[in-house]
């Protein structure tokens, strides 16, 4: 039941599902923003991404909650990675302003 190689494979599969889901979301936002009918992009992409992700979790879990949890952890980790890789680059870091310690 607690087969470590199978849990590792479930974790990797969850990471792949997450990369496809959130990478697809990023791609949809970029395409939908310049489309004359963005609702078609968002509706179609959302249904496709959710359907594939749910089917993937169902197949990966194999009816075992341990595999489902491992794949969910991989999915969330992929979300963090995709968010980091797709964020806009800033020209320079924002620094907090220093307040004067006395009146002028």
PDB file of N, CA and C in Angstrom:
ATOM      1  N   UNK A   1       0.817  -1.192   0.000  1.00  0.00           N
ATOM      2  CA  UNK A   1       0.000   0.000   0.000  1.00  0.00           C
ATOM      3  C   UNK A   1       0.868   1.265   0.000  1.00  0.00           C
ATOM      4  N   UNK A   2       1.881   1.326   0.851  1.00  0.00           N
ATOM      5  CA  UNK A   2       2.796   2.475   0.865  1.00  0.00           C
ATOM      6  C   UNK A   2       4.057   2.115   0.100  1.00  0.00           C
ATOM      7  N   UNK A   3       3.938   2.012  -1.200  1.00  0.00           N
ATOM      8  CA  UNK A   3       5.048   1.657  -2.070  1.00  0.00           C
ATOM      9  C   UNK A   3       5.767   2.945  -2.480  1.00  0.00           C
ATOM     10  N   UNK A   4       6.966   3.213  -1.935  1.00  0.00           N
ATOM     11  CA  UNK A   4       7.646   4.478  -2.235  1.00  0.00           C
ATOM     12  C   UNK A   4       7.868   4.756  -3.717  1.00  0.00           C
ATOM     13  N   UNK A   5       8.251   3.777  -4.546  1.00  0.00           N
ATOM     14  CA  UNK A   5       8.393   4.111  -5.979  1.00  0.00           C
ATOM     15  C   UNK A   5       7.076   4.558  -6.622  1.00  0.00           C
ATOM     16  N   UNK A   6       5.967   3.954  -6.223  1.00  0.00           N
ATOM     17  CA  UNK A   6       4.674   4.362  -6.771  1.00  0.00           C
ATOM     18  C   UNK A   6       4.281   5.753  -6.284  1.00  0.00           C
ATOM     19  N   UNK A   7       4.620   6.076  -5.030  1.00  0.00           N
ATOM     20  CA  UNK A   7       4.333   7.419  -4.523  1.00  0.00           C
ATOM     21  C   UNK A   7       5.179   8.460  -5.249  1.00  0.00           C
ATOM     22  N   UNK A   8       6.416   8.100  -5.555  1.00  0.00           N
ATOM     23  CA  UNK A   8       7.278   9.019  -6.311  1.00  0.00           C
ATOM     24  C   UNK A   8       6.728   9.235  -7.716  1.00  0.00           C
ATOM     25  N   UNK A   9       6.277   8.170  -8.353  1.00  0.00           N
ATOM     26  CA  UNK A   9       5.676   8.306  -9.682  1.00  0.00           C
ATOM     27  C   UNK A   9       4.391   9.137  -9.627  1.00  0.00           C
ATOM     28  N   UNK A  10       3.600   8.955  -8.582  1.00  0.00           N
ATOM     29  CA  UNK A  10       2.380   9.751  -8.430  1.00  0.00           C
ATOM     30  C   UNK A  10       2.730  11.217  -8.227  1.00  0.00           C
ATOM     31  N   UNK A  11       3.783  11.486  -7.463  1.00  0.00           N
ATOM     32  CA  UNK A  11       4.230  12.865  -7.240  1.00  0.00           C
ATOM     33  C   UNK A  11       4.684  13.501  -8.553  1.00  0.00           C
ATOM     34  N   UNK A  12       5.456  12.752  -9.333  1.00  0.00           N
ATOM     35  CA  UNK A  12       5.912  13.256 -10.627  1.00  0.00           C
ATOM     36  C   UNK A  12       4.743  13.471 -11.590  1.00  0.00           C
ATOM     37  N   UNK A  13       3.793  12.552 -11.582  1.00  0.00           N
ATOM     38  CA  UNK A  13       2.620  12.703 -12.446  1.00  0.00           C
ATOM     39  C   UNK A  13       1.803  13.918 -12.036  1.00  0.00           C
ATOM     40  N   UNK A  14       1.688  14.165 -10.731  1.00  0.00           N
ATOM     41  CA  UNK A  14       0.995  15.358 -10.263  1.00  0.00           C
ATOM     42  C   UNK A  14       1.710  16.627 -10.685  1.00  0.00           C
ATOM     43  N   UNK A  15       3.039  16.595 -10.672  1.00  0.00           N
ATOM     44  CA  UNK A  15       3.807  17.737 -11.149  1.00  0.00           C
ATOM     45  C   UNK A  15       3.588  17.980 -12.630  1.00  0.00           C
ATOM     46  N   UNK A  16       3.517  16.912 -13.402  1.00  0.00           N
ATOM     47  CA  UNK A  16       3.247  17.048 -14.835  1.00  0.00           C
ATOM     48  C   UNK A  16       1.841  17.595 -15.072  1.00  0.00           C
ATOM     49  N   UNK A  17       0.867  17.080 -14.331  1.00  0.00           N
ATOM     50  CA  UNK A  17      -0.496  17.599 -14.452  1.00  0.00           C
ATOM     51  C   UNK A  17      -0.558  19.084 -14.090  1.00  0.00           C
ATOM     52  N   UNK A  18       0.144  19.463 -13.036  1.00  0.00           N
ATOM     53  CA  UNK A  18       0.168  20.864 -12.633  1.00  0.00           C
ATOM     54  C   UNK A  18       0.839  21.748 -13.662  1.00  0.00           C
ATOM     55  N   UNK A  19       1.940  21.262 -14.234  1.00  0.00           N
ATOM     56  CA  UNK A  19       2.626  22.046 -15.270  1.00  0.00           C
ATOM     57  C   UNK A  19       1.725  22.237 -16.482  1.00  0.00           C
ATOM     58  N   UNK A  20       1.014  21.189 -16.875  1.00  0.00           N
ATOM     59  CA  UNK A  20       0.090  21.313 -18.001  1.00  0.00           C
ATOM     60  C   UNK A  20      -1.071  22.243 -17.674  1.00  0.00           C
ATOM     61  N   UNK A  21      -1.617  22.119 -16.468  1.00  0.00           N
ATOM     62  CA  UNK A  21      -2.762  22.936 -16.079  1.00  0.00           C
ATOM     63  C   UNK A  21      -2.383  24.415 -16.009  1.00  0.00           C
ATOM     64  N   UNK A  22      -1.362  24.733 -15.238  1.00  0.00           N
ATOM     65  CA  UNK A  22      -1.019  26.140 -15.035  1.00  0.00           C
ATOM     66  C   UNK A  22      -0.268  26.734 -16.222  1.00  0.00           C
ATOM     67  N   UNK A  23       0.501  25.924 -16.929  1.00  0.00           N
ATOM     68  CA  UNK A  23       1.104  26.398 -18.166  1.00  0.00           C
ATOM     69  C   UNK A  23       0.035  26.692 -19.213  1.00  0.00           C
ATOM     70  N   UNK A  24      -0.981  25.832 -19.272  1.00  0.00           N
ATOM     71  CA  UNK A  24      -2.114  26.071 -20.167  1.00  0.00           C
ATOM     72  C   UNK A  24      -2.896  27.305 -19.782  1.00  0.00           C
ATOM     73  N   UNK A  25      -3.027  27.558 -18.502  1.00  0.00           N
ATOM     74  CA  UNK A  25      -3.704  28.768 -18.048  1.00  0.00           C
ATOM     75  C   UNK A  25      -2.938  30.008 -18.467  1.00  0.00           C
ATOM     76  N   UNK A  26      -1.634  29.982 -18.294  1.00  0.00           N
ATOM     77  CA  UNK A  26      -0.802  31.119 -18.695  1.00  0.00           C
ATOM     78  C   UNK A  26      -0.921  31.362 -20.196  1.00  0.00           C
ATOM     79  N   UNK A  27      -0.857  30.274 -20.983  1.00  0.00           N
ATOM     80  CA  UNK A  27      -0.969  30.380 -22.428  1.00  0.00           C
ATOM     81  C   UNK A  27      -2.343  30.931 -22.830  1.00  0.00           C
ATOM     82  N   UNK A  28      -3.399  30.471 -22.152  1.00  0.00           N
ATOM     83  CA  UNK A  28      -4.755  30.935 -22.455  1.00  0.00           C
ATOM     84  C   UNK A  28      -4.916  32.412 -22.174  1.00  0.00           C
ATOM     85  N   UNK A  29      -4.372  32.881 -21.071  1.00  0.00           N
ATOM     86  CA  UNK A  29      -4.477  34.297 -20.745  1.00  0.00           C
ATOM     87  C   UNK A  29      -3.770  35.134 -21.803  1.00  0.00           C
ATOM     88  N   UNK A  30      -2.627  34.694 -22.240  1.00  0.00           N
ATOM     89  CA  UNK A  30      -1.889  35.442 -23.271  1.00  0.00           C
ATOM     90  C   UNK A  30      -2.642  35.443 -24.603  1.00  0.00           C
ATOM     91  N   UNK A  31      -3.208  34.314 -25.004  1.00  0.00           N
ATOM     92  CA  UNK A  31      -3.949  34.238 -26.256  1.00  0.00           C
ATOM     93  C   UNK A  31      -5.309  34.924 -26.144  1.00  0.00           C
ATOM     94  N   UNK A  32      -5.977  34.741 -25.020  1.00  0.00           N
ATOM     95  CA  UNK A  32      -7.308  35.311 -24.851  1.00  0.00           C
ATOM     96  C   UNK A  32      -7.298  36.822 -24.782  1.00  0.00           C
ATOM     97  N   UNK A  33      -6.221  37.398 -24.288  1.00  0.00           N
ATOM     98  CA  UNK A  33      -6.147  38.856 -24.155  1.00  0.00           C
ATOM     99  C   UNK A  33      -6.138  39.550 -25.508  1.00  0.00           C
ATOM    100  N   UNK A  34      -5.626  38.893 -26.525  1.00  0.00           N
ATOM    101  CA  UNK A  34      -5.557  39.513 -27.849  1.00  0.00           C
ATOM    102  C   UNK A  34      -6.600  38.952 -28.815  1.00  0.00           C
ATOM    103  N   UNK A  35      -7.518  38.150 -28.329  1.00  0.00           N
ATOM    104  CA  UNK A  35      -8.512  37.518 -29.180  1.00  0.00           C
ATOM    105  C   UNK A  35      -9.772  38.383 -29.284  1.00  0.00           C
ATOM    106  N   UNK A  36     -10.457  38.351 -30.428  1.00  0.00           N
ATOM    107  CA  UNK A  36     -11.719  39.082 -30.529  1.00  0.00           C
ATOM    108  C   UNK A  36     -12.834  38.428 -29.694  1.00  0.00           C
ATOM    109  N   UNK A  37     -12.691  37.123 -29.406  1.00  0.00           N
ATOM    110  CA  UNK A  37     -13.665  36.414 -28.569  1.00  0.00           C
ATOM    111  C   UNK A  37     -12.940  35.696 -27.434  1.00  0.00           C
ATOM    112  N   UNK A  38     -12.522  36.432 -26.417  1.00  0.00           N
ATOM    113  CA  UNK A  38     -11.751  35.785 -25.346  1.00  0.00           C
ATOM    114  C   UNK A  38     -12.560  34.770 -24.558  1.00  0.00           C
ATOM    115  N   UNK A  39     -13.867  34.917 -24.489  1.00  0.00           N
ATOM    116  CA  UNK A  39     -14.667  33.977 -23.716  1.00  0.00           C
ATOM    117  C   UNK A  39     -14.552  32.565 -24.273  1.00  0.00           C
ATOM    118  N   UNK A  40     -14.374  32.434 -25.594  1.00  0.00           N
ATOM    119  CA  UNK A  40     -14.192  31.101 -26.168  1.00  0.00           C
ATOM    120  C   UNK A  40     -12.888  30.463 -25.705  1.00  0.00           C
ATOM    121  N   UNK A  41     -11.842  31.247 -25.672  1.00  0.00           N
ATOM    122  CA  UNK A  41     -10.550  30.735 -25.199  1.00  0.00           C
ATOM    123  C   UNK A  41     -10.641  30.286 -23.750  1.00  0.00           C
ATOM    124  N   UNK A  42     -11.227  31.146 -22.901  1.00  0.00           N
ATOM    125  CA  UNK A  42     -11.271  30.835 -21.477  1.00  0.00           C
ATOM    126  C   UNK A  42     -12.209  29.672 -21.174  1.00  0.00           C
ATOM    127  N   UNK A  43     -13.351  29.628 -21.829  1.00  0.00           N
ATOM    128  CA  UNK A  43     -14.282  28.523 -21.599  1.00  0.00           C
ATOM    129  C   UNK A  43     -13.703  27.203 -22.094  1.00  0.00           C
ATOM    130  N   UNK A  44     -13.242  27.196 -23.331  1.00  0.00           N
ATOM    131  CA  UNK A  44     -12.693  25.958 -23.897  1.00  0.00           C
ATOM    132  C   UNK A  44     -11.476  25.467 -23.141  1.00  0.00           C
ATOM    133  N   UNK A  45     -10.563  26.385 -22.841  1.00  0.00           N
ATOM    134  CA  UNK A  45      -9.351  26.001 -22.125  1.00  0.00           C
ATOM    135  C   UNK A  45      -9.663  25.515 -20.718  1.00  0.00           C
ATOM    136  N   UNK A  46     -10.573  26.211 -20.052  1.00  0.00           N
ATOM    137  CA  UNK A  46     -10.920  25.819 -18.681  1.00  0.00           C
ATOM    138  C   UNK A  46     -11.519  24.423 -18.629  1.00  0.00           C
ATOM    139  N   UNK A  47     -12.448  24.154 -19.536  1.00  0.00           N
ATOM    140  CA  UNK A  47     -13.064  22.823 -19.556  1.00  0.00           C
ATOM    141  C   UNK A  47     -12.042  21.740 -19.900  1.00  0.00           C
ATOM    142  N   UNK A  48     -11.192  22.015 -20.882  1.00  0.00           N
ATOM    143  CA  UNK A  48     -10.182  21.041 -21.272  1.00  0.00           C
ATOM    144  C   UNK A  48      -9.180  20.794 -20.151  1.00  0.00           C
ATOM    145  N   UNK A  49      -8.680  21.876 -19.548  1.00  0.00           N
ATOM    146  CA  UNK A  49      -7.680  21.723 -18.486  1.00  0.00           C
ATOM    147  C   UNK A  49      -8.257  21.003 -17.279  1.00  0.00           C
ATOM    148  N   UNK A  50      -9.479  21.372 -16.871  1.00  0.00           N
ATOM    149  CA  UNK A  50     -10.079  20.705 -15.708  1.00  0.00           C
ATOM    150  C   UNK A  50     -10.382  19.240 -15.995  1.00  0.00           C
ATOM    151  N   UNK A  51     -10.882  18.949 -17.190  1.00  0.00           N
ATOM    152  CA  UNK A  51     -11.186  17.565 -17.541  1.00  0.00           C
ATOM    153  C   UNK A  51      -9.943  16.687 -17.551  1.00  0.00           C
ATOM    154  N   UNK A  52      -8.887  17.180 -18.190  1.00  0.00           N
ATOM    155  CA  UNK A  52      -7.644  16.403 -18.230  1.00  0.00           C
ATOM    156  C   UNK A  52      -7.035  16.226 -16.843  1.00  0.00           C
ATOM    157  N   UNK A  53      -7.094  17.270 -16.036  1.00  0.00           N
ATOM    158  CA  UNK A  53      -6.521  17.194 -14.691  1.00  0.00           C
ATOM    159  C   UNK A  53      -7.301  16.215 -13.808  1.00  0.00           C
ATOM    160  N   UNK A  54      -8.620  16.296 -13.857  1.00  0.00           N
ATOM    161  CA  UNK A  54      -9.421  15.381 -13.040  1.00  0.00           C
ATOM    162  C   UNK A  54      -9.233  13.926 -13.492  1.00  0.00           C
ATOM    163  N   UNK A  55      -9.204  13.704 -14.799  1.00  0.00           N
ATOM    164  CA  UNK A  55      -8.980  12.346 -15.300  1.00  0.00           C
ATOM    165  C   UNK A  55      -7.587  11.863 -14.907  1.00  0.00           C
ATOM    166  N   UNK A  56      -6.604  12.747 -14.956  1.00  0.00           N
ATOM    167  CA  UNK A  56      -5.249  12.375 -14.563  1.00  0.00           C
ATOM    168  C   UNK A  56      -5.163  11.992 -13.098  1.00  0.00           C
ATOM    169  N   UNK A  57      -5.797  12.781 -12.228  1.00  0.00           N
ATOM    170  CA  UNK A  57      -5.793  12.445 -10.800  1.00  0.00           C
ATOM    171  C   UNK A  57      -6.493  11.108 -10.554  1.00  0.00           C
ATOM    172  N   UNK A  58      -7.573  10.881 -11.255  1.00  0.00           N
ATOM    173  CA  UNK A  58      -8.307   9.620 -11.101  1.00  0.00           C
ATOM    174  C   UNK A  58      -7.435   8.427 -11.499  1.00  0.00           C
ATOM    175  N   UNK A  59      -6.758   8.553 -12.633  1.00  0.00           N
ATOM    176  CA  UNK A  59      -5.919   7.452 -13.101  1.00  0.00           C
ATOM    177  C   UNK A  59      -4.686   7.249 -12.223  1.00  0.00           C
ATOM    178  N   UNK A  60      -4.076   8.352 -11.810  1.00  0.00           N
ATOM    179  CA  UNK A  60      -2.855   8.250 -10.998  1.00  0.00           C
ATOM    180  C   UNK A  60      -3.155   7.671  -9.621  1.00  0.00           C
ATOM    181  N   UNK A  61      -4.269   8.073  -9.027  1.00  0.00           N
ATOM    182  CA  UNK A  61      -4.552   7.633  -7.657  1.00  0.00           C
ATOM    183  C   UNK A  61      -4.804   6.130  -7.584  1.00  0.00           C
ATOM    184  N   UNK A  62      -5.434   5.565  -8.576  1.00  0.00           N
ATOM    185  CA  UNK A  62      -5.704   4.122  -8.548  1.00  0.00           C
ATOM    186  C   UNK A  62      -6.535   3.712  -7.349  1.00  0.00           C
ATOM    187  N   UNK A  63      -7.334   4.614  -6.826  1.00  0.00           N
ATOM    188  CA  UNK A  63      -8.172   4.305  -5.670  1.00  0.00           C
ATOM    189  C   UNK A  63      -7.447   4.358  -4.334  1.00  0.00           C
ATOM    190  N   UNK A  64      -6.222   4.835  -4.318  1.00  0.00           N
ATOM    191  CA  UNK A  64      -5.456   4.913  -3.071  1.00  0.00           C
ATOM    192  C   UNK A  64      -5.236   6.381  -2.707  1.00  0.00           C
ATOM    193  N   UNK A  65      -5.613   6.719  -1.488  1.00  0.00           N
ATOM    194  CA  UNK A  65      -5.530   8.119  -1.079  1.00  0.00           C
ATOM    195  C   UNK A  65      -4.090   8.594  -0.973  1.00  0.00           C
ATOM    196  N   UNK A  66      -3.151   7.692  -0.675  1.00  0.00           N
ATOM    197  CA  UNK A  66      -1.751   8.092  -0.560  1.00  0.00           C
ATOM    198  C   UNK A  66      -1.220   8.597  -1.906  1.00  0.00           C
ATOM    199  N   UNK A  67      -1.569   7.910  -2.967  1.00  0.00           N
ATOM    200  CA  UNK A  67      -1.146   8.352  -4.301  1.00  0.00           C
ATOM    201  C   UNK A  67      -1.810   9.677  -4.672  1.00  0.00           C
ATOM    202  N   UNK A  68      -3.067   9.833  -4.292  1.00  0.00           N
ATOM    203  CA  UNK A  68      -3.770  11.084  -4.578  1.00  0.00           C
ATOM    204  C   UNK A  68      -3.105  12.251  -3.864  1.00  0.00           C
ATOM    205  N   UNK A  69      -2.737  12.056  -2.602  1.00  0.00           N
ATOM    206  CA  UNK A  69      -2.062  13.116  -1.852  1.00  0.00           C
ATOM    207  C   UNK A  69      -0.704  13.425  -2.475  1.00  0.00           C
ATOM    208  N   UNK A  70       0.046  12.406  -2.863  1.00  0.00           N
ATOM    209  CA  UNK A  70       1.355  12.631  -3.487  1.00  0.00           C
ATOM    210  C   UNK A  70       1.205  13.402  -4.792  1.00  0.00           C
ATOM    211  N   UNK A  71       0.201  13.069  -5.587  1.00  0.00           N
ATOM    212  CA  UNK A  71       0.012  13.780  -6.848  1.00  0.00           C
ATOM    213  C   UNK A  71      -0.469  15.209  -6.601  1.00  0.00           C
ATOM    214  N   UNK A  72      -1.262  15.441  -5.579  1.00  0.00           N
ATOM    215  CA  UNK A  72      -1.690  16.801  -5.250  1.00  0.00           C
ATOM    216  C   UNK A  72      -0.512  17.661  -4.798  1.00  0.00           C
ATOM    217  N   UNK A  73       0.419  17.065  -4.051  1.00  0.00           N
ATOM    218  CA  UNK A  73       1.625  17.794  -3.639  1.00  0.00           C
ATOM    219  C   UNK A  73       2.448  18.177  -4.865  1.00  0.00           C
ATOM    220  N   UNK A  74       2.600  17.262  -5.802  1.00  0.00           N
ATOM    221  CA  UNK A  74       3.309  17.567  -7.042  1.00  0.00           C
ATOM    222  C   UNK A  74       2.601  18.645  -7.846  1.00  0.00           C
ATOM    223  N   UNK A  75       1.273  18.630  -7.855  1.00  0.00           N
ATOM    224  CA  UNK A  75       0.474  19.625  -8.565  1.00  0.00           C
ATOM    225  C   UNK A  75       0.703  21.023  -7.981  1.00  0.00           C
ATOM    226  N   UNK A  76       0.676  21.134  -6.665  1.00  0.00           N
ATOM    227  CA  UNK A  76       0.887  22.429  -6.008  1.00  0.00           C
ATOM    228  C   UNK A  76       2.314  22.916  -6.220  1.00  0.00           C
ATOM    229  N   UNK A  77       3.271  22.010  -6.159  1.00  0.00           N
ATOM    230  CA  UNK A  77       4.655  22.388  -6.416  1.00  0.00           C
ATOM    231  C   UNK A  77       4.829  22.911  -7.846  1.00  0.00           C
ATOM    232  N   UNK A  78       4.173  22.267  -8.794  1.00  0.00           N
ATOM    233  CA  UNK A  78       4.224  22.744 -10.183  1.00  0.00           C
ATOM    234  C   UNK A  78       3.605  24.126 -10.298  1.00  0.00           C
ATOM    235  N   UNK A  79       2.563  24.396  -9.531  1.00  0.00           N
ATOM    236  CA  UNK A  79       1.951  25.729  -9.534  1.00  0.00           C
ATOM    237  C   UNK A  79       2.959  26.783  -9.098  1.00  0.00           C
ATOM    238  N   UNK A  80       3.685  26.495  -8.040  1.00  0.00           N
ATOM    239  CA  UNK A  80       4.678  27.449  -7.557  1.00  0.00           C
ATOM    240  C   UNK A  80       5.778  27.681  -8.593  1.00  0.00           C
ATOM    241  N   UNK A  81       6.209  26.621  -9.256  1.00  0.00           N
ATOM    242  CA  UNK A  81       7.262  26.745 -10.266  1.00  0.00           C
ATOM    243  C   UNK A  81       6.777  27.540 -11.467  1.00  0.00           C
ATOM    244  N   UNK A  82       5.568  27.251 -11.946  1.00  0.00           N
ATOM    245  CA  UNK A  82       5.034  27.984 -13.097  1.00  0.00           C
ATOM    246  C   UNK A  82       4.818  29.451 -12.742  1.00  0.00           C
ATOM    247  N   UNK A  83       4.347  29.732 -11.542  1.00  0.00           N
ATOM    248  CA  UNK A  83       4.161  31.126 -11.128  1.00  0.00           C
ATOM    249  C   UNK A  83       5.494  31.870 -11.107  1.00  0.00           C
ATOM    250  N   UNK A  84       6.532  31.225 -10.628  1.00  0.00           N
ATOM    251  CA  UNK A  84       7.846  31.871 -10.556  1.00  0.00           C
ATOM    252  C   UNK A  84       8.418  32.106 -11.956  1.00  0.00           C
ATOM    253  N   UNK A  85       8.233  31.147 -12.845  1.00  0.00           N
ATOM    254  CA  UNK A  85       8.823  31.253 -14.182  1.00  0.00           C
ATOM    255  C   UNK A  85       8.067  32.206 -15.101  1.00  0.00           C
ATOM    256  N   UNK A  86       6.793  32.469 -14.832  1.00  0.00           N
ATOM    257  CA  UNK A  86       5.997  33.305 -15.732  1.00  0.00           C
ATOM    258  C   UNK A  86       5.736  34.703 -15.191  1.00  0.00           C
ATOM    259  N   UNK A  87       6.287  35.046 -14.069  1.00  0.00           N
ATOM    260  CA  UNK A  87       6.045  36.394 -13.555  1.00  0.00           C
ATOM    261  C   UNK A  87       6.870  37.406 -14.350  1.00  0.00           C
ATOM    262  N   UNK A  88       6.365  38.626 -14.462  1.00  0.00           N
ATOM    263  CA  UNK A  88       7.108  39.635 -15.229  1.00  0.00           C
ATOM    264  C   UNK A  88       8.404  40.023 -14.526  1.00  0.00           C
ATOM    265  N   UNK A  89       9.397  40.346 -15.318  1.00  0.00           N
ATOM    266  CA  UNK A  89      10.693  40.745 -14.787  1.00  0.00           C
ATOM    267  C   UNK A  89      10.638  42.232 -14.458  1.00  0.00           C
ATOM    268  N   UNK A  90      11.098  42.585 -13.303  1.00  0.00           N
ATOM    269  CA  UNK A  90      11.121  43.996 -12.904  1.00  0.00           C
ATOM    270  C   UNK A  90      12.457  44.605 -13.278  1.00  0.00           C
ATOM    271  N   UNK A  91      12.419  45.870 -13.618  1.00  0.00           N
ATOM    272  CA  UNK A  91      13.648  46.557 -14.010  1.00  0.00           C
ATOM    273  C   UNK A  91      14.611  46.658 -12.831  1.00  0.00           C
ATOM    274  N   UNK A  92      14.098  46.991 -11.690  1.00  0.00           N
ATOM    275  CA  UNK A  92      14.926  47.059 -10.487  1.00  0.00           C
ATOM    276  C   UNK A  92      14.061  46.741  -9.282  1.00  0.00           C
ATOM    277  N   UNK A  93      14.650  46.243  -8.238  1.00  0.00           N
ATOM    278  CA  UNK A  93      13.855  45.886  -7.061  1.00  0.00           C
ATOM    279  C   UNK A  93      13.291  47.128  -6.376  1.00  0.00           C
ATOM    280  N   UNK A  94      12.140  46.961  -5.808  1.00  0.00           N
ATOM    281  CA  UNK A  94      11.504  48.055  -5.078  1.00  0.00           C
ATOM    282  C   UNK A  94      12.083  48.099  -3.680  1.00  0.00           C
ATOM    283  N   UNK A  95      12.564  49.277  -3.302  1.00  0.00           N
ATOM    284  CA  UNK A  95      13.133  49.450  -1.964  1.00  0.00           C
ATOM    285  C   UNK A  95      12.218  50.335  -1.145  1.00  0.00           C
ATOM    286  N   UNK A  96      12.040  49.997   0.098  1.00  0.00           N
ATOM    287  CA  UNK A  96      11.204  50.862   0.938  1.00  0.00           C
ATOM    288  C   UNK A  96      11.890  52.210   1.164  1.00  0.00           C
ATOM    289  N   UNK A  97      11.088  53.242   1.202  1.00  0.00           N
ATOM    290  CA  UNK A  97      11.649  54.574   1.430  1.00  0.00           C
ATOM    291  C   UNK A  97      11.990  54.749   2.901  1.00  0.00           C
ATOM    292  N   UNK A  98      13.033  55.507   3.138  1.00  0.00           N
ATOM    293  CA  UNK A  98      13.409  55.776   4.520  1.00  0.00           C
ATOM    294  C   UNK A  98      12.688  57.034   4.978  1.00  0.00           C
ATOM    295  N   UNK A  99      12.177  56.955   6.171  1.00  0.00           N
ATOM    296  CA  UNK A  99      11.480  58.106   6.728  1.00  0.00           C
ATOM    297  C   UNK A  99      12.486  58.982   7.469  1.00  0.00           C
ATOM    298  N   UNK A 100      12.193  60.263   7.457  1.00  0.00           N
ATOM    299  CA  UNK A 100      13.057  61.198   8.192  1.00  0.00           C
ATOM    300  C   UNK A 100      12.837  60.985   9.682  1.00  0.00           C
ATOM    301  N   UNK A 101      13.914  61.060  10.431  1.00  0.00           N
ATOM    302  CA  UNK A 101      13.814  60.842  11.867  1.00  0.00           C
ATOM    303  C   UNK A 101      13.616  62.141  12.632  1.00  0.00           C
ATOM    304  N   UNK A 102      13.601  63.239  11.918  1.00  0.00           N
ATOM    305  CA  UNK A 102      13.403  64.527  12.572  1.00  0.00           C
ATOM    306  C   UNK A 102      12.599  65.448  11.651  1.00  0.00           C
ATOM    307  N   UNK A 103      12.085  66.489  12.228  1.00  0.00           N
ATOM    308  CA  UNK A 103      11.324  67.468  11.455  1.00  0.00           C
ATOM    309  C   UNK A 103      12.287  68.352  10.672  1.00  0.00           C
ATOM    310  N   UNK A 104      11.899  68.847   9.487  1.00  0.00           N
ATOM    311  CA  UNK A 104      12.822  69.692   8.699  1.00  0.00           C
ATOM    312  C   UNK A 104      13.067  71.037   9.330  1.00  0.00           C
TER     313      UNK A 104
END
